[in-house]
Protein backbone atom coordinates (compact mmCIF):
# COMPACT_ATOMS: atom_id res chain seq x y z
CA MET A 1 -0.53 5.78 12.12
CA ALA A 2 -1.91 5.49 8.58
CA PHE A 3 -5.48 6.30 9.63
CA ASP A 4 -4.47 9.37 11.65
CA LEU A 5 -2.28 10.59 8.79
CA LEU A 6 -5.10 10.30 6.25
CA LEU A 7 -7.59 12.17 8.42
CA ARG A 8 -5.15 15.05 8.79
CA VAL A 9 -3.99 15.15 5.15
CA PHE A 10 -7.34 14.71 3.42
CA PHE A 11 -9.74 16.45 5.80
CA ASN A 12 -7.64 18.37 8.37
CA ILE A 13 -9.40 16.33 11.04
CA ASP A 14 -8.00 15.74 14.51
CA PRO A 15 -8.10 11.93 14.88
CA ALA A 16 -9.13 12.44 18.52
CA LYS A 17 -12.63 13.29 17.26
CA LEU A 18 -13.15 9.57 16.74
CA GLY A 19 -11.43 8.65 19.98
CA ASN A 20 -8.91 5.83 19.93
CA LYS A 21 -11.28 3.51 18.06
CA GLY A 22 -11.14 5.22 14.66
CA PRO A 23 -8.71 2.77 13.03
CA ALA A 24 -10.60 -0.22 14.46
CA MET A 25 -13.90 1.11 13.11
CA MET A 26 -12.40 1.56 9.66
CA ARG A 27 -10.87 -1.92 9.72
CA LYS A 28 -14.23 -3.48 10.62
CA TRP A 29 -15.85 -1.72 7.67
CA LEU A 30 -13.03 -2.80 5.35
CA THR A 31 -13.39 -6.40 6.50
CA ILE A 32 -17.02 -6.33 5.38
CA GLN A 33 -15.99 -4.84 2.03
CA PHE A 34 -13.20 -7.32 1.29
CA HIS A 35 -14.17 -10.46 3.20
CA SER A 36 -14.63 -12.37 -0.07
CA ILE A 37 -10.86 -12.35 -0.70
CA LEU A 38 -9.68 -12.73 2.89
CA THR A 39 -7.84 -15.84 3.99
CA LEU A 40 -7.09 -17.14 7.46
CA GLY A 41 -4.09 -19.12 6.28
CA LEU A 42 -5.72 -22.46 7.04
CA PRO A 43 -4.33 -25.72 5.63
CA LYS A 44 -5.59 -26.56 2.15
CA TRP A 45 -7.76 -29.39 3.41
CA LEU A 46 -9.66 -26.82 5.51
CA SER A 47 -10.10 -24.31 2.68
CA TRP A 48 -13.79 -25.21 2.54
CA VAL A 49 -14.19 -23.55 5.95
CA GLU A 50 -13.01 -20.21 4.56
CA ASP A 51 -15.13 -20.63 1.45
CA THR A 52 -18.21 -21.34 3.55
CA LEU A 53 -17.69 -18.57 6.08
CA PHE A 54 -16.26 -15.77 3.94
CA HIS A 55 -16.45 -16.47 0.22
CA SER A 56 -20.01 -17.64 -0.40
CA PHE A 57 -22.27 -14.75 0.59
CA PRO A 58 -22.12 -10.99 1.26
CA CYS A 59 -21.82 -9.89 4.88
CA PRO A 60 -24.77 -7.80 6.11
CA SER A 61 -23.98 -4.10 6.37
CA PHE A 62 -25.78 -3.67 9.71
CA LEU A 63 -22.73 -5.23 11.38
CA VAL A 64 -20.76 -2.04 10.79
CA LYS A 65 -23.50 0.53 10.20
CA SER A 66 -22.94 2.35 13.50
CA ASP A 67 -19.17 2.59 13.05
CA TYR A 68 -19.52 3.68 9.43
CA GLN A 69 -21.97 6.41 10.43
CA LYS A 70 -19.51 7.84 12.95
CA ILE A 71 -16.77 8.02 10.31
CA TYR A 72 -19.22 9.46 7.78
CA ASP A 73 -20.39 12.19 10.18
CA THR A 74 -16.81 13.17 11.02
CA VAL A 75 -15.82 13.44 7.35
CA TYR A 76 -19.06 15.25 6.47
CA ALA A 77 -18.41 17.96 9.06
CA SER A 78 -14.99 18.72 7.57
CA SER A 79 -15.67 18.57 3.83
CA THR A 80 -17.46 21.82 2.99
CA PRO A 81 -14.89 22.92 0.35
CA VAL A 82 -15.22 19.55 -1.39
CA PHE A 83 -19.01 19.76 -1.31
CA ASP A 84 -18.85 23.14 -3.05
CA GLU A 85 -16.86 21.61 -5.91
CA ALA A 86 -19.08 18.54 -6.03
CA LYS A 87 -22.19 20.71 -6.35
CA LYS A 88 -20.77 22.16 -9.58
CA LEU A 89 -20.61 18.60 -10.92
CA GLY A 90 -24.17 17.84 -9.92
CA LEU A 91 -23.28 15.62 -6.95
CA SER A 92 -25.17 15.76 -3.67
CA LYS A 93 -23.37 16.19 -0.37
CA GLU A 94 -24.43 12.71 0.72
CA GLU A 95 -23.12 10.97 -2.41
CA THR A 96 -19.90 12.97 -2.24
CA CYS A 97 -19.32 12.11 1.41
CA HIS A 98 -19.87 8.39 0.81
CA ASN A 99 -17.29 8.55 -1.97
CA LEU A 100 -14.85 10.42 0.28
CA VAL A 101 -15.17 7.75 2.97
CA PHE A 102 -14.67 5.00 0.40
CA MET A 103 -11.68 6.77 -1.14
CA SER A 104 -9.97 7.41 2.19
CA GLY A 105 -10.83 3.96 3.55
CA ALA A 106 -10.97 1.33 0.81
CA ASN A 107 -8.44 3.06 -1.44
CA ALA A 108 -6.00 4.96 0.78
CA TYR A 109 -6.09 3.32 4.22
CA ALA A 110 -6.41 -0.21 2.87
CA GLY A 111 -3.26 0.44 0.83
CA LEU A 112 -1.13 2.47 3.23
CA ARG A 113 -1.66 0.27 6.28
CA PRO A 114 -0.08 -2.84 4.75
CA LEU A 115 2.53 -0.64 3.05
CA PHE A 116 3.83 0.78 6.34
CA ARG A 117 3.90 -2.69 7.88
CA ALA A 118 5.79 -4.00 4.85
CA VAL A 119 8.30 -1.17 5.19
CA MET A 120 9.12 -2.17 8.77
CA LYS A 121 9.11 -5.89 7.95
CA TRP A 122 11.57 -5.73 5.08
CA LEU A 123 13.78 -3.13 6.74
CA TYR A 124 14.18 -5.54 9.64
CA LEU A 125 14.82 -8.51 7.35
CA GLY A 126 17.32 -6.40 5.40
CA GLY A 127 19.70 -6.55 8.35
CA GLU A 128 21.97 -4.18 10.24
CA LYS A 129 24.35 -3.61 7.33
CA LEU A 130 21.48 -2.21 5.27
CA HIS A 131 20.38 -0.14 8.26
CA LYS A 132 23.84 1.42 8.54
CA ASN A 133 24.03 2.18 4.82
CA LEU A 134 20.59 3.78 4.88
CA ALA A 135 21.38 5.80 7.99
CA ASP A 136 24.65 7.05 6.50
CA GLU A 137 22.99 8.10 3.24
CA ILE A 138 19.97 9.72 4.84
CA ARG A 139 21.84 11.64 7.52
CA ALA A 140 24.51 12.89 5.12
CA VAL A 141 21.95 14.22 2.65
CA VAL A 142 19.74 15.82 5.29
CA LYS A 143 22.79 17.47 6.86
CA SER A 144 23.78 18.89 3.47
CA GLU A 145 20.25 20.29 3.12
CA GLY A 146 20.51 22.23 6.37
CA GLY A 147 18.92 19.56 8.53
CA VAL A 148 15.60 19.66 6.70
CA VAL A 149 13.90 16.79 4.87
CA THR A 150 12.80 18.14 1.48
CA LEU A 151 11.63 16.62 -1.79
CA ALA A 152 14.96 17.65 -3.31
CA ALA A 153 16.77 15.84 -0.51
CA LEU A 154 14.77 12.64 -1.14
CA GLU A 155 15.93 12.62 -4.76
CA LYS A 156 19.53 12.56 -3.54
CA MET A 157 18.96 9.25 -1.69
CA PRO A 158 19.23 6.51 -4.34
CA LEU A 159 19.54 3.66 -1.83
CA THR A 160 16.47 4.81 0.08
CA LYS A 161 14.48 5.00 -3.15
CA SER A 162 15.69 1.59 -4.28
CA VAL A 163 14.75 0.06 -0.93
CA ALA A 164 11.23 1.49 -1.24
CA PHE A 165 10.86 -0.08 -4.70
CA GLU A 166 12.22 -3.41 -3.46
CA ILE A 167 9.74 -3.43 -0.58
CA LEU A 168 6.91 -2.86 -3.06
CA ARG A 169 8.27 -5.66 -5.23
CA MET A 170 8.46 -8.12 -2.38
CA GLU A 171 5.10 -7.24 -0.86
CA PRO A 172 2.70 -5.18 -3.02
CA SER A 173 0.02 -3.46 -0.93
CA ALA A 174 -2.76 -4.60 -3.28
CA PRO A 175 -1.69 -8.08 -4.41
CA HIS A 176 -4.87 -9.01 -6.28
CA GLN A 177 -6.28 -7.55 -9.49
CA TYR A 178 -9.55 -8.48 -11.14
CA ALA A 179 -10.91 -7.39 -14.52
CA ARG A 180 -13.27 -8.54 -17.22
CA ALA A 181 -11.91 -8.68 -20.77
CA LYS A 182 -13.52 -5.97 -22.92
CA GLU A 183 -12.51 -7.69 -26.15
CA ASP A 184 -10.90 -10.87 -27.45
CA MET A 185 -7.17 -10.80 -26.83
CA VAL A 186 -4.03 -12.87 -26.62
CA ILE A 187 -1.86 -12.57 -23.51
CA SER A 188 1.74 -13.65 -23.94
CA SER A 189 4.30 -14.66 -21.32
CA HIS A 190 7.99 -15.43 -21.87
CA ASP A 191 7.28 -18.81 -23.40
CA ALA A 192 3.54 -19.18 -24.06
CA SER A 193 0.43 -17.34 -25.23
CA TYR A 194 -3.12 -17.54 -23.92
CA GLN A 195 -6.31 -16.66 -25.74
CA VAL A 196 -8.83 -14.69 -23.70
CA LYS A 197 -12.41 -14.22 -24.83
CA LYS A 198 -14.41 -11.05 -24.36
CA GLY A 199 -16.28 -11.14 -21.06
CA GLU A 200 -13.98 -13.61 -19.33
CA VAL A 201 -12.77 -12.67 -15.85
CA LEU A 202 -9.03 -12.17 -15.43
CA PHE A 203 -7.17 -12.44 -12.14
CA GLY A 204 -3.71 -11.08 -11.47
CA TYR A 205 -1.51 -12.03 -8.52
CA LEU A 206 1.25 -9.45 -8.19
CA PRO A 207 3.59 -11.28 -5.78
CA LEU A 208 4.00 -13.99 -8.41
CA ALA A 209 4.62 -11.54 -11.25
CA MET A 210 7.06 -9.48 -9.18
CA ARG A 211 9.21 -12.55 -8.48
CA ASP A 212 9.67 -13.60 -12.08
CA PRO A 213 13.13 -15.26 -12.20
CA LYS A 214 13.52 -14.33 -15.87
CA ILE A 215 13.35 -10.64 -14.92
CA PHE A 216 14.66 -10.37 -11.37
CA GLU A 217 17.89 -12.01 -10.24
CA ASN A 218 17.36 -14.05 -7.06
CA PRO A 219 13.70 -13.01 -7.11
CA ASN A 220 12.83 -14.32 -3.63
CA GLU A 221 15.71 -12.45 -2.01
CA PHE A 222 15.33 -8.92 -0.65
CA MET A 223 18.05 -6.80 -2.28
CA GLY A 224 17.98 -3.17 -1.19
CA THR A 225 20.28 -2.10 -4.04
CA ARG A 226 18.31 -3.88 -6.78
CA PHE A 227 16.95 -0.71 -8.40
CA MET A 228 20.07 1.44 -8.11
CA GLY A 229 22.15 2.60 -11.06
CA GLU A 230 21.40 2.47 -14.76
CA GLU A 231 20.74 -1.27 -14.84
CA GLY A 232 18.55 -1.10 -11.75
CA GLU A 233 16.42 1.67 -13.19
CA LYS A 234 15.80 -0.44 -16.29
CA LEU A 235 13.97 -2.93 -14.08
CA LEU A 236 11.36 -0.34 -13.09
CA LYS A 237 9.42 -0.96 -16.30
CA TYR A 238 8.66 -4.42 -14.89
CA GLY A 239 7.39 -3.03 -11.60
CA TYR A 240 3.60 -3.41 -11.57
CA TRP A 241 3.12 -2.86 -7.82
CA PHE A 242 0.67 0.00 -8.49
CA ASN A 243 -1.34 -1.94 -11.10
CA GLU A 244 0.71 -0.52 -13.98
CA ARG A 245 4.38 -0.11 -14.84
CA GLN A 246 6.28 2.09 -12.40
CA THR A 247 7.47 4.13 -15.39
CA VAL A 248 3.89 5.05 -16.38
CA ASP A 249 1.90 7.86 -14.74
CA PRO A 250 -1.66 7.30 -13.46
CA ILE A 251 -4.44 8.29 -15.87
CA PRO A 252 -8.14 7.34 -15.88
CA ASP A 253 -7.70 4.91 -18.76
CA ASN A 254 -4.96 2.71 -17.27
CA LYS A 255 -6.62 2.13 -13.88
CA GLN A 256 -3.31 2.61 -12.12
CA CYS A 257 -3.47 3.47 -8.42
CA ALA A 258 -4.25 7.19 -8.31
CA GLY A 259 -2.26 7.48 -5.09
CA LYS A 260 0.87 5.93 -6.60
CA ASN A 261 3.13 8.95 -6.16
CA ILE A 262 2.05 9.83 -2.63
CA ALA A 263 2.27 6.17 -1.54
CA LEU A 264 5.84 5.90 -2.80
CA LEU A 265 6.69 9.27 -1.24
CA LEU A 266 5.29 8.20 2.14
CA ALA A 267 7.21 4.91 2.01
CA ARG A 268 10.46 6.80 1.40
CA LEU A 269 9.63 9.34 4.10
CA ALA A 270 8.94 6.55 6.58
CA VAL A 271 12.41 5.12 5.95
CA VAL A 272 14.03 8.56 6.18
CA GLU A 273 12.31 9.61 9.39
CA PHE A 274 13.06 6.28 11.03
CA PHE A 275 16.79 6.37 10.37
CA LEU A 276 17.04 10.01 11.37
CA ARG A 277 16.01 8.81 14.83
CA TYR A 278 17.34 5.26 15.14
CA ASP A 279 20.39 3.24 14.13
CA THR A 280 18.73 -0.17 14.01
CA PHE A 281 15.95 -2.26 15.53
CA THR A 282 14.72 -5.79 16.09
CA ALA A 283 11.23 -7.08 15.44
CA GLU A 284 8.98 -10.10 15.49
CA ILE A 285 7.43 -10.84 12.11
CA GLY A 286 4.13 -12.66 11.78
CA LYS A 287 1.10 -12.92 9.56
CA ASN A 288 -2.66 -12.66 9.93
CA TYR A 289 -5.66 -12.46 7.63
CA THR A 290 -4.77 -8.91 6.58
CA GLY A 291 -1.13 -9.63 5.71
CA SER A 292 2.15 -9.22 7.56
CA THR A 293 2.35 -8.21 11.20
CA VAL A 294 5.34 -6.49 12.79
CA ILE A 295 6.01 -6.12 16.50
CA VAL A 296 9.05 -3.95 17.20
CA LYS A 297 11.02 -5.46 20.08
CA THR A 298 13.97 -3.09 20.48
CA LEU A 299 14.94 0.32 19.12
CA ILE A 300 18.55 1.53 19.14
CA LYS A 301 18.55 5.32 19.21
CA ARG A 302 20.83 7.29 16.95
CA ASN A 303 24.26 7.89 18.42
């Protein structure tokens, strides 16, 4: 779903041009790009296997060259308007197209795919009571808007918005951050400070930060109403799920996810469109090397 959506939104491409293997081809290429941080979930005493197979050397690009070329050619054929703008900036068509593939794959698809799975996972774990409350809110607002889902309608759904934030808190799409300190600094937590020297590599693990018990009550519990109301909105300044506070807009200097707003919008839309069609559902939740897996078992259509 995420791959097809991105092809249509970014390039107005019919996903059928790549057949039914488009998402698989993109996933293979992404595996090569990010294999150094992948984990198979093996026991700790077998961690050396992962380190040896995935974390010690770069994977050769020829393994995915053919698939990448097919994606590249499809994007190239549909990007003439972008090429015209790129030419004004002194960029060749080839360089521009490689960047478009990377942006739509490594940035957008690699973020939206786990996001949509997380949406379904945490909706299911939220339970039928949450499903009913969401359905009641969504259907009432859409009805008042003449049966149409609009941006204005979305802003009248506080529970839906809070649920989207809570899903991002529980399972950020990009859980790892890496950076090299540009200057000497001191990083402070609630009860300690750490000196960091210029040039040292920093690593951030968002799931740990987003479950800080000194900030979030019952941090390991999914609470759909957590970000509702005045007190709930105050917590948004601690939401770093897009690599910066939720209350801060993306700019080049803060390295926040440039797709922050559209990702949040799509998460909310996914919830809205689901409960416009269904009352509740059951699912089987699992995990693989790319994150959570969700297999929907039953769907109860809207009465």
